[in-house]
């Protein structure tokens, strides 16, 4: 029995909840996947899965075995990945999901640098400010701004990213600067559909302010352009906002009330470790983005 392949089949069946779906994901026959799992059960002398005609689910022993199998596969793939970095050119495809603004700027720069070293790697960029469904959309890596990622996923912190409030000099000349978060109620705010209540820190306390305005969007890039046109006040991640502050296109607001810091995380499913190119890219991103993006 090839124990690593048997573990890989078991982990995939557990992730998909189906022998047929697991076989499709791994490019194997359903019979091969079934035999792998049966051989793993025979070797461990444990029943790992409940099987019915409609669904497959983990036994209690299977839940425990799954954690060990994922860890073993992760460590084996990391070893292979690091070895290949020294002995062979990386080849393969990476499907990576990212917020739109990040994808158009920092991520594109990262991919350009990685591709210069590994020209045989192909990237499929899935850009949306809505969190991608890793299984349904066959995503290898998803980049997410969050305080803490979902516990059901494996995650690696890449860098801290501050956020800021800002507006154009033209808007501020017409409407003035708000002095407190409460004064945002009298201003036109440019609002991302996933951030309709804005949070602030002041004297160690977390404040929350409901905002309103005439423009709501699910694309941070639209809000950036609207802010630069003088249409209102925007809440932007500093990777997008800092260059516009430096150029004078936007000015910072409410600096005494900083926004909570988020981090950029790479999240992925355990089976992503089966491809050394995935691990190599995550390692490269962590090194490339080791400097946090903070407020100026």
C-alpha atoms as a PDB file:
ATOM      1  CA  UNK A   1       0.000   0.000   0.000  1.00  0.00           C
ATOM      2  CA  UNK A   2       1.188   3.505  -0.849  1.00  0.00           C
ATOM      3  CA  UNK A   3       0.331   5.108   2.486  1.00  0.00           C
ATOM      4  CA  UNK A   4       0.653   8.709   1.297  1.00  0.00           C
ATOM      5  CA  UNK A   5      -1.687   8.118  -1.641  1.00  0.00           C
ATOM      6  CA  UNK A   6      -4.116   6.301   0.634  1.00  0.00           C
ATOM      7  CA  UNK A   7      -4.096   9.242   3.055  1.00  0.00           C
ATOM      8  CA  UNK A   8      -4.536  11.655   0.158  1.00  0.00           C
ATOM      9  CA  UNK A   9      -7.588   9.743  -1.050  1.00  0.00           C
ATOM     10  CA  UNK A  10      -9.055   9.635   2.453  1.00  0.00           C
ATOM     11  CA  UNK A  11      -8.533  13.392   3.005  1.00  0.00           C
ATOM     12  CA  UNK A  12     -10.150  14.180  -0.352  1.00  0.00           C
ATOM     13  CA  UNK A  13     -13.170  11.968   0.364  1.00  0.00           C
ATOM     14  CA  UNK A  14     -13.569  13.685   3.735  1.00  0.00           C
ATOM     15  CA  UNK A  15     -13.368  17.120   2.086  1.00  0.00           C
ATOM     16  CA  UNK A  16     -15.803  16.280  -0.714  1.00  0.00           C
ATOM     17  CA  UNK A  17     -18.141  14.005   1.223  1.00  0.00           C
ATOM     18  CA  UNK A  18     -18.197  11.688  -1.779  1.00  0.00           C
ATOM     19  CA  UNK A  19     -15.996   9.000  -3.354  1.00  0.00           C
ATOM     20  CA  UNK A  20     -17.079  10.097  -6.829  1.00  0.00           C
ATOM     21  CA  UNK A  21     -16.241  13.767  -6.255  1.00  0.00           C
ATOM     22  CA  UNK A  22     -12.921  12.840  -4.667  1.00  0.00           C
ATOM     23  CA  UNK A  23     -12.049  10.697  -7.669  1.00  0.00           C
ATOM     24  CA  UNK A  24     -12.777  13.628 -10.004  1.00  0.00           C
ATOM     25  CA  UNK A  25     -10.619  15.993  -7.950  1.00  0.00           C
ATOM     26  CA  UNK A  26      -7.673  13.581  -7.866  1.00  0.00           C
ATOM     27  CA  UNK A  27      -8.037  12.313 -11.432  1.00  0.00           C
ATOM     28  CA  UNK A  28      -8.446   8.711 -10.266  1.00  0.00           C
ATOM     29  CA  UNK A  29     -11.161   6.108 -10.653  1.00  0.00           C
ATOM     30  CA  UNK A  30     -13.793   5.783  -7.965  1.00  0.00           C
ATOM     31  CA  UNK A  31     -12.670   2.182  -7.463  1.00  0.00           C
ATOM     32  CA  UNK A  32      -9.061   3.281  -6.859  1.00  0.00           C
ATOM     33  CA  UNK A  33     -10.161   5.842  -4.255  1.00  0.00           C
ATOM     34  CA  UNK A  34     -12.373   3.285  -2.537  1.00  0.00           C
ATOM     35  CA  UNK A  35      -9.520   0.756  -2.411  1.00  0.00           C
ATOM     36  CA  UNK A  36      -7.127   3.362  -0.988  1.00  0.00           C
ATOM     37  CA  UNK A  37      -9.513   4.170   1.843  1.00  0.00           C
ATOM     38  CA  UNK A  38     -10.202   0.498   2.524  1.00  0.00           C
ATOM     39  CA  UNK A  39      -6.485  -0.278   2.668  1.00  0.00           C
ATOM     40  CA  UNK A  40      -5.945   2.647   5.044  1.00  0.00           C
ATOM     41  CA  UNK A  41      -8.722   1.348   7.284  1.00  0.00           C
ATOM     42  CA  UNK A  42      -7.223  -2.153   7.199  1.00  0.00           C
ATOM     43  CA  UNK A  43      -3.773  -0.801   8.084  1.00  0.00           C
ATOM     44  CA  UNK A  44      -5.085   1.295  10.985  1.00  0.00           C
ATOM     45  CA  UNK A  45      -7.656  -1.349  11.951  1.00  0.00           C
ATOM     46  CA  UNK A  46     -10.218   1.454  12.272  1.00  0.00           C
ATOM     47  CA  UNK A  47     -13.427   2.322  10.488  1.00  0.00           C
ATOM     48  CA  UNK A  48     -12.852   5.844   9.213  1.00  0.00           C
ATOM     49  CA  UNK A  49     -16.034   6.514   7.248  1.00  0.00           C
ATOM     50  CA  UNK A  50     -19.746   5.892   7.487  1.00  0.00           C
ATOM     51  CA  UNK A  51     -20.917   4.888   4.007  1.00  0.00           C
ATOM     52  CA  UNK A  52     -24.510   5.096   2.758  1.00  0.00           C
ATOM     53  CA  UNK A  53     -25.971   5.247  -0.725  1.00  0.00           C
ATOM     54  CA  UNK A  54     -26.444   9.013  -0.374  1.00  0.00           C
ATOM     55  CA  UNK A  55     -23.499  10.346   1.575  1.00  0.00           C
ATOM     56  CA  UNK A  56     -20.192   9.640   3.255  1.00  0.00           C
ATOM     57  CA  UNK A  57     -19.325  10.995   6.708  1.00  0.00           C
ATOM     58  CA  UNK A  58     -16.482  10.634   9.175  1.00  0.00           C
ATOM     59  CA  UNK A  59     -16.608   8.324  12.151  1.00  0.00           C
ATOM     60  CA  UNK A  60     -15.236   9.578  15.456  1.00  0.00           C
ATOM     61  CA  UNK A  61     -12.017   7.688  14.747  1.00  0.00           C
ATOM     62  CA  UNK A  62     -12.046   9.136  11.236  1.00  0.00           C
ATOM     63  CA  UNK A  63     -12.159  12.703  12.556  1.00  0.00           C
ATOM     64  CA  UNK A  64      -9.049  12.078  14.614  1.00  0.00           C
ATOM     65  CA  UNK A  65      -7.286  10.241  11.791  1.00  0.00           C
ATOM     66  CA  UNK A  66      -8.103  13.083   9.389  1.00  0.00           C
ATOM     67  CA  UNK A  67      -6.118  15.574  11.460  1.00  0.00           C
ATOM     68  CA  UNK A  68      -3.087  13.307  11.493  1.00  0.00           C
ATOM     69  CA  UNK A  69      -3.342  12.546   7.762  1.00  0.00           C
ATOM     70  CA  UNK A  70      -3.608  16.248   6.888  1.00  0.00           C
ATOM     71  CA  UNK A  71      -0.553  16.993   9.001  1.00  0.00           C
ATOM     72  CA  UNK A  72       1.474  14.161   7.450  1.00  0.00           C
ATOM     73  CA  UNK A  73       0.514  15.202   3.906  1.00  0.00           C
ATOM     74  CA  UNK A  74       1.308  18.823   4.717  1.00  0.00           C
ATOM     75  CA  UNK A  75       4.771  18.001   6.018  1.00  0.00           C
ATOM     76  CA  UNK A  76       5.525  15.602   3.140  1.00  0.00           C
ATOM     77  CA  UNK A  77       4.467  18.207   0.574  1.00  0.00           C
ATOM     78  CA  UNK A  78       6.483  20.922   2.287  1.00  0.00           C
ATOM     79  CA  UNK A  79       9.562  18.693   2.177  1.00  0.00           C
ATOM     80  CA  UNK A  80       8.989  18.006  -1.526  1.00  0.00           C
ATOM     81  CA  UNK A  81       8.376  21.691  -2.214  1.00  0.00           C
ATOM     82  CA  UNK A  82      11.575  22.809  -0.530  1.00  0.00           C
ATOM     83  CA  UNK A  83      13.569  20.093  -2.265  1.00  0.00           C
ATOM     84  CA  UNK A  84      12.243  21.126  -5.681  1.00  0.00           C
ATOM     85  CA  UNK A  85      13.187  24.734  -5.059  1.00  0.00           C
ATOM     86  CA  UNK A  86      16.810  23.548  -5.035  1.00  0.00           C
ATOM     87  CA  UNK A  87      16.675  20.843  -7.675  1.00  0.00           C
ATOM     88  CA  UNK A  88      14.102  21.612 -10.344  1.00  0.00           C
ATOM     89  CA  UNK A  89      12.016  24.262 -12.014  1.00  0.00           C
ATOM     90  CA  UNK A  90       8.513  24.705 -10.651  1.00  0.00           C
ATOM     91  CA  UNK A  91       5.723  23.842 -13.074  1.00  0.00           C
ATOM     92  CA  UNK A  92       1.972  24.000 -12.581  1.00  0.00           C
ATOM     93  CA  UNK A  93      -1.174  26.105 -12.319  1.00  0.00           C
ATOM     94  CA  UNK A  94      -2.310  28.257  -9.392  1.00  0.00           C
ATOM     95  CA  UNK A  95      -5.904  29.427  -9.011  1.00  0.00           C
ATOM     96  CA  UNK A  96      -5.777  32.382  -6.660  1.00  0.00           C
ATOM     97  CA  UNK A  97      -8.736  34.406  -5.379  1.00  0.00           C
ATOM     98  CA  UNK A  98      -8.194  37.972  -4.216  1.00  0.00           C
ATOM     99  CA  UNK A  99      -9.999  41.234  -3.466  1.00  0.00           C
ATOM    100  CA  UNK A 100     -10.154  43.309  -6.635  1.00  0.00           C
ATOM    101  CA  UNK A 101      -7.985  46.210  -5.478  1.00  0.00           C
ATOM    102  CA  UNK A 102      -5.305  43.914  -4.089  1.00  0.00           C
ATOM    103  CA  UNK A 103      -5.337  41.825  -7.249  1.00  0.00           C
ATOM    104  CA  UNK A 104      -4.863  44.830  -9.509  1.00  0.00           C
ATOM    105  CA  UNK A 105      -1.939  46.187  -7.503  1.00  0.00           C
ATOM    106  CA  UNK A 106       0.076  44.292  -4.891  1.00  0.00           C
ATOM    107  CA  UNK A 107      -0.860  40.800  -6.077  1.00  0.00           C
ATOM    108  CA  UNK A 108      -0.008  41.566  -9.680  1.00  0.00           C
ATOM    109  CA  UNK A 109       3.412  42.852  -8.570  1.00  0.00           C
ATOM    110  CA  UNK A 110       3.911  39.671  -6.528  1.00  0.00           C
ATOM    111  CA  UNK A 111       3.002  37.414  -9.445  1.00  0.00           C
ATOM    112  CA  UNK A 112       5.327  39.362 -11.736  1.00  0.00           C
ATOM    113  CA  UNK A 113       8.249  38.831  -9.334  1.00  0.00           C
ATOM    114  CA  UNK A 114       7.445  35.138  -8.827  1.00  0.00           C
ATOM    115  CA  UNK A 115       7.058  34.547 -12.578  1.00  0.00           C
ATOM    116  CA  UNK A 116      10.462  36.055 -13.241  1.00  0.00           C
ATOM    117  CA  UNK A 117      11.956  33.169 -11.222  1.00  0.00           C
ATOM    118  CA  UNK A 118       9.454  30.480 -12.249  1.00  0.00           C
ATOM    119  CA  UNK A 119       8.254  31.205 -15.796  1.00  0.00           C
ATOM    120  CA  UNK A 120       6.512  27.832 -16.234  1.00  0.00           C
ATOM    121  CA  UNK A 121       3.902  28.540 -13.534  1.00  0.00           C
ATOM    122  CA  UNK A 122       0.510  29.736 -14.815  1.00  0.00           C
ATOM    123  CA  UNK A 123      -1.833  31.874 -12.713  1.00  0.00           C
ATOM    124  CA  UNK A 124      -5.615  32.046 -12.835  1.00  0.00           C
ATOM    125  CA  UNK A 125      -6.699  35.184 -10.943  1.00  0.00           C
ATOM    126  CA  UNK A 126     -10.254  35.223  -9.564  1.00  0.00           C
ATOM    127  CA  UNK A 127     -10.895  38.807  -8.464  1.00  0.00           C
ATOM    128  CA  UNK A 128     -13.872  39.662  -6.278  1.00  0.00           C
ATOM    129  CA  UNK A 129     -14.429  41.526  -3.024  1.00  0.00           C
ATOM    130  CA  UNK A 130     -16.698  38.660  -1.975  1.00  0.00           C
ATOM    131  CA  UNK A 131     -14.976  35.705  -0.318  1.00  0.00           C
ATOM    132  CA  UNK A 132     -14.458  32.867  -2.782  1.00  0.00           C
ATOM    133  CA  UNK A 133     -15.761  29.364  -2.070  1.00  0.00           C
ATOM    134  CA  UNK A 134     -12.572  27.351  -2.177  1.00  0.00           C
ATOM    135  CA  UNK A 135     -14.112  23.966  -2.987  1.00  0.00           C
ATOM    136  CA  UNK A 136     -16.834  25.091  -5.391  1.00  0.00           C
ATOM    137  CA  UNK A 137     -14.550  27.457  -7.324  1.00  0.00           C
ATOM    138  CA  UNK A 138     -11.534  25.106  -7.176  1.00  0.00           C
ATOM    139  CA  UNK A 139      -9.405  27.796  -5.521  1.00  0.00           C
ATOM    140  CA  UNK A 140      -5.877  26.853  -4.483  1.00  0.00           C
ATOM    141  CA  UNK A 141      -5.183  30.024  -2.481  1.00  0.00           C
ATOM    142  CA  UNK A 142      -7.509  32.804  -1.347  1.00  0.00           C
ATOM    143  CA  UNK A 143      -6.140  36.102  -0.068  1.00  0.00           C
ATOM    144  CA  UNK A 144      -8.345  37.715   2.565  1.00  0.00           C
ATOM    145  CA  UNK A 145      -8.209  40.826   4.738  1.00  0.00           C
ATOM    146  CA  UNK A 146      -9.461  39.793   8.165  1.00  0.00           C
ATOM    147  CA  UNK A 147      -8.631  39.865  11.864  1.00  0.00           C
ATOM    148  CA  UNK A 148      -8.845  36.071  12.125  1.00  0.00           C
ATOM    149  CA  UNK A 149      -9.657  33.657   9.260  1.00  0.00           C
ATOM    150  CA  UNK A 150     -12.190  30.844   9.392  1.00  0.00           C
ATOM    151  CA  UNK A 151     -11.062  28.001  11.666  1.00  0.00           C
ATOM    152  CA  UNK A 152     -12.129  25.455   9.043  1.00  0.00           C
ATOM    153  CA  UNK A 153      -9.327  26.596   6.719  1.00  0.00           C
ATOM    154  CA  UNK A 154      -5.569  26.509   6.946  1.00  0.00           C
ATOM    155  CA  UNK A 155      -4.218  30.045   7.028  1.00  0.00           C
ATOM    156  CA  UNK A 156      -0.888  31.851   6.931  1.00  0.00           C
ATOM    157  CA  UNK A 157      -0.553  35.486   7.927  1.00  0.00           C
ATOM    158  CA  UNK A 158       1.277  37.483   5.254  1.00  0.00           C
ATOM    159  CA  UNK A 159       1.277  41.066   6.530  1.00  0.00           C
ATOM    160  CA  UNK A 160      -0.641  43.639   8.554  1.00  0.00           C
ATOM    161  CA  UNK A 161      -2.666  46.172   6.580  1.00  0.00           C
ATOM    162  CA  UNK A 162      -3.953  49.395   8.110  1.00  0.00           C
ATOM    163  CA  UNK A 163      -7.040  51.181   6.822  1.00  0.00           C
ATOM    164  CA  UNK A 164      -7.779  54.898   6.632  1.00  0.00           C
ATOM    165  CA  UNK A 165     -10.528  57.417   6.061  1.00  0.00           C
ATOM    166  CA  UNK A 166      -9.806  59.918   3.333  1.00  0.00           C
ATOM    167  CA  UNK A 167     -11.369  62.408   0.951  1.00  0.00           C
ATOM    168  CA  UNK A 168     -10.225  64.694  -1.846  1.00  0.00           C
ATOM    169  CA  UNK A 169      -9.126  68.291  -1.184  1.00  0.00           C
ATOM    170  CA  UNK A 170     -12.069  69.428  -3.321  1.00  0.00           C
ATOM    171  CA  UNK A 171     -14.622  67.579  -1.177  1.00  0.00           C
ATOM    172  CA  UNK A 172     -13.082  68.912   2.047  1.00  0.00           C
ATOM    173  CA  UNK A 173     -13.040  72.484   0.704  1.00  0.00           C
ATOM    174  CA  UNK A 174     -16.780  72.238   0.036  1.00  0.00           C
ATOM    175  CA  UNK A 175     -17.944  70.311   3.111  1.00  0.00           C
ATOM    176  CA  UNK A 176     -15.212  70.582   5.716  1.00  0.00           C
ATOM    177  CA  UNK A 177     -13.441  67.899   7.770  1.00  0.00           C
ATOM    178  CA  UNK A 178     -15.316  65.757  10.297  1.00  0.00           C
ATOM    179  CA  UNK A 179     -13.765  66.068  13.784  1.00  0.00           C
ATOM    180  CA  UNK A 180     -15.264  62.884  15.271  1.00  0.00           C
ATOM    181  CA  UNK A 181     -16.768  59.668  13.899  1.00  0.00           C
ATOM    182  CA  UNK A 182     -20.238  60.926  14.904  1.00  0.00           C
ATOM    183  CA  UNK A 183     -19.869  63.833  12.456  1.00  0.00           C
ATOM    184  CA  UNK A 184     -19.708  61.347   9.572  1.00  0.00           C
ATOM    185  CA  UNK A 185     -23.515  61.292   9.825  1.00  0.00           C
ATOM    186  CA  UNK A 186     -23.540  64.723   8.171  1.00  0.00           C
ATOM    187  CA  UNK A 187     -21.187  63.700   5.347  1.00  0.00           C
ATOM    188  CA  UNK A 188     -21.603  61.722   2.153  1.00  0.00           C
ATOM    189  CA  UNK A 189     -19.748  58.443   2.657  1.00  0.00           C
ATOM    190  CA  UNK A 190     -18.637  56.101  -0.113  1.00  0.00           C
ATOM    191  CA  UNK A 191     -19.534  52.683   1.212  1.00  0.00           C
ATOM    192  CA  UNK A 192     -18.375  49.184   0.379  1.00  0.00           C
ATOM    193  CA  UNK A 193     -21.294  46.772   0.559  1.00  0.00           C
ATOM    194  CA  UNK A 194     -19.378  44.584   3.032  1.00  0.00           C
ATOM    195  CA  UNK A 195     -18.483  47.510   5.339  1.00  0.00           C
ATOM    196  CA  UNK A 196     -21.646  49.449   6.071  1.00  0.00           C
ATOM    197  CA  UNK A 197     -20.707  50.136   9.712  1.00  0.00           C
ATOM    198  CA  UNK A 198     -17.305  51.712  10.301  1.00  0.00           C
ATOM    199  CA  UNK A 199     -15.283  50.932  13.435  1.00  0.00           C
ATOM    200  CA  UNK A 200     -12.734  53.175  15.159  1.00  0.00           C
ATOM    201  CA  UNK A 201     -10.326  52.969  18.094  1.00  0.00           C
ATOM    202  CA  UNK A 202     -10.123  55.757  20.679  1.00  0.00           C
ATOM    203  CA  UNK A 203      -8.659  55.695  24.189  1.00  0.00           C
ATOM    204  CA  UNK A 204      -8.543  51.897  24.074  1.00  0.00           C
ATOM    205  CA  UNK A 205     -12.219  51.623  23.200  1.00  0.00           C
ATOM    206  CA  UNK A 206     -13.823  50.303  20.028  1.00  0.00           C
ATOM    207  CA  UNK A 207     -16.371  52.712  18.556  1.00  0.00           C
ATOM    208  CA  UNK A 208     -18.836  51.838  15.822  1.00  0.00           C
ATOM    209  CA  UNK A 209     -20.462  54.408  13.561  1.00  0.00           C
ATOM    210  CA  UNK A 210     -23.265  53.805  11.078  1.00  0.00           C
ATOM    211  CA  UNK A 211     -22.644  55.695   7.846  1.00  0.00           C
ATOM    212  CA  UNK A 212     -24.720  56.596   4.837  1.00  0.00           C
ATOM    213  CA  UNK A 213     -24.250  58.128   1.448  1.00  0.00           C
ATOM    214  CA  UNK A 214     -25.221  58.170  -2.202  1.00  0.00           C
ATOM    215  CA  UNK A 215     -22.809  55.527  -3.495  1.00  0.00           C
ATOM    216  CA  UNK A 216     -22.545  51.879  -2.458  1.00  0.00           C
ATOM    217  CA  UNK A 217     -20.296  49.465  -4.382  1.00  0.00           C
ATOM    218  CA  UNK A 218     -18.831  45.982  -4.149  1.00  0.00           C
ATOM    219  CA  UNK A 219     -15.581  47.069  -5.800  1.00  0.00           C
ATOM    220  CA  UNK A 220     -12.997  49.019  -3.792  1.00  0.00           C
ATOM    221  CA  UNK A 221     -11.555  50.432  -7.010  1.00  0.00           C
ATOM    222  CA  UNK A 222     -14.832  52.222  -7.758  1.00  0.00           C
ATOM    223  CA  UNK A 223     -14.758  53.814  -4.303  1.00  0.00           C
ATOM    224  CA  UNK A 224     -11.151  54.944  -4.832  1.00  0.00           C
ATOM    225  CA  UNK A 225     -12.061  56.675  -8.081  1.00  0.00           C
ATOM    226  CA  UNK A 226     -15.178  58.222  -6.541  1.00  0.00           C
ATOM    227  CA  UNK A 227     -13.146  59.612  -3.631  1.00  0.00           C
ATOM    228  CA  UNK A 228     -10.582  61.108  -6.008  1.00  0.00           C
ATOM    229  CA  UNK A 229     -13.421  62.761  -7.957  1.00  0.00           C
ATOM    230  CA  UNK A 230     -14.612  64.496  -4.777  1.00  0.00           C
ATOM    231  CA  UNK A 231     -17.805  62.494  -4.365  1.00  0.00           C
ATOM    232  CA  UNK A 232     -17.390  61.732  -0.663  1.00  0.00           C
ATOM    233  CA  UNK A 233     -15.406  60.152   2.166  1.00  0.00           C
ATOM    234  CA  UNK A 234     -13.970  56.646   1.627  1.00  0.00           C
ATOM    235  CA  UNK A 235     -12.631  53.935   3.917  1.00  0.00           C
ATOM    236  CA  UNK A 236      -9.652  52.407   2.108  1.00  0.00           C
ATOM    237  CA  UNK A 237      -6.936  49.852   2.871  1.00  0.00           C
ATOM    238  CA  UNK A 238      -3.571  51.588   3.023  1.00  0.00           C
ATOM    239  CA  UNK A 239      -2.142  49.615   0.116  1.00  0.00           C
ATOM    240  CA  UNK A 240      -4.603  51.569  -2.060  1.00  0.00           C
ATOM    241  CA  UNK A 241      -4.734  54.792  -0.067  1.00  0.00           C
ATOM    242  CA  UNK A 242      -1.082  55.537   0.730  1.00  0.00           C
ATOM    243  CA  UNK A 243       0.000  56.331  -2.872  1.00  0.00           C
ATOM    244  CA  UNK A 244      -2.968  58.702  -3.227  1.00  0.00           C
ATOM    245  CA  UNK A 245      -2.066  60.477   0.012  1.00  0.00           C
ATOM    246  CA  UNK A 246       1.518  60.850  -1.209  1.00  0.00           C
ATOM    247  CA  UNK A 247       0.346  62.346  -4.508  1.00  0.00           C
ATOM    248  CA  UNK A 248      -2.068  64.739  -2.800  1.00  0.00           C
ATOM    249  CA  UNK A 249      -5.110  63.270  -4.544  1.00  0.00           C
ATOM    250  CA  UNK A 250      -6.587  62.369  -1.124  1.00  0.00           C
ATOM    251  CA  UNK A 251      -6.151  63.653   2.428  1.00  0.00           C
ATOM    252  CA  UNK A 252      -6.392  61.609   5.661  1.00  0.00           C
ATOM    253  CA  UNK A 253      -9.273  62.124   8.098  1.00  0.00           C
ATOM    254  CA  UNK A 254      -9.949  61.381  11.778  1.00  0.00           C
ATOM    255  CA  UNK A 255      -6.330  60.495  12.486  1.00  0.00           C
ATOM    256  CA  UNK A 256      -7.044  60.560  16.225  1.00  0.00           C
ATOM    257  CA  UNK A 257      -9.537  57.732  15.641  1.00  0.00           C
ATOM    258  CA  UNK A 258      -7.581  54.992  13.827  1.00  0.00           C
ATOM    259  CA  UNK A 259      -9.422  52.109  12.248  1.00  0.00           C
ATOM    260  CA  UNK A 260      -8.778  48.589  13.620  1.00  0.00           C
ATOM    261  CA  UNK A 261      -5.846  46.891  11.949  1.00  0.00           C
ATOM    262  CA  UNK A 262      -6.497  43.848   9.783  1.00  0.00           C
ATOM    263  CA  UNK A 263      -4.055  41.383   8.327  1.00  0.00           C
ATOM    264  CA  UNK A 264      -3.740  39.860   4.893  1.00  0.00           C
ATOM    265  CA  UNK A 265      -3.939  36.074   5.091  1.00  0.00           C
ATOM    266  CA  UNK A 266      -3.427  33.295   2.585  1.00  0.00           C
ATOM    267  CA  UNK A 267      -6.095  30.661   3.230  1.00  0.00           C
ATOM    268  CA  UNK A 268      -6.262  27.292   1.582  1.00  0.00           C
ATOM    269  CA  UNK A 269      -7.500  23.731   1.916  1.00  0.00           C
ATOM    270  CA  UNK A 270      -5.187  21.005   3.096  1.00  0.00           C
ATOM    271  CA  UNK A 271      -5.150  19.325  -0.292  1.00  0.00           C
ATOM    272  CA  UNK A 272      -3.439  22.381  -1.791  1.00  0.00           C
ATOM    273  CA  UNK A 273      -0.267  21.016  -0.220  1.00  0.00           C
ATOM    274  CA  UNK A 274      -0.302  18.214  -2.782  1.00  0.00           C
ATOM    275  CA  UNK A 275       1.180  20.657  -5.286  1.00  0.00           C
ATOM    276  CA  UNK A 276       4.683  21.892  -4.422  1.00  0.00           C
ATOM    277  CA  UNK A 277       4.090  24.989  -6.542  1.00  0.00           C
ATOM    278  CA  UNK A 278       1.317  26.109  -4.153  1.00  0.00           C
ATOM    279  CA  UNK A 279       3.557  25.871  -1.118  1.00  0.00           C
ATOM    280  CA  UNK A 280       6.398  27.606  -2.943  1.00  0.00           C
ATOM    281  CA  UNK A 281       4.165  30.516  -3.912  1.00  0.00           C
ATOM    282  CA  UNK A 282       2.849  30.962  -0.353  1.00  0.00           C
ATOM    283  CA  UNK A 283       6.424  30.928   0.991  1.00  0.00           C
ATOM    284  CA  UNK A 284       7.417  33.470  -1.653  1.00  0.00           C
ATOM    285  CA  UNK A 285       4.453  35.729  -0.779  1.00  0.00           C
ATOM    286  CA  UNK A 286       5.289  35.632   2.935  1.00  0.00           C
ATOM    287  CA  UNK A 287       8.860  36.700   2.181  1.00  0.00           C
ATOM    288  CA  UNK A 288       7.867  39.290  -0.445  1.00  0.00           C
ATOM    289  CA  UNK A 289       5.221  40.889   1.804  1.00  0.00           C
ATOM    290  CA  UNK A 290       7.116  40.726   5.081  1.00  0.00           C
ATOM    291  CA  UNK A 291       6.832  44.520   5.494  1.00  0.00           C
ATOM    292  CA  UNK A 292       3.453  45.654   6.864  1.00  0.00           C
ATOM    293  CA  UNK A 293       1.401  48.312   5.039  1.00  0.00           C
ATOM    294  CA  UNK A 294       0.789  50.963   7.686  1.00  0.00           C
ATOM    295  CA  UNK A 295      -0.667  54.447   7.876  1.00  0.00           C
ATOM    296  CA  UNK A 296       1.921  57.114   6.940  1.00  0.00           C
END
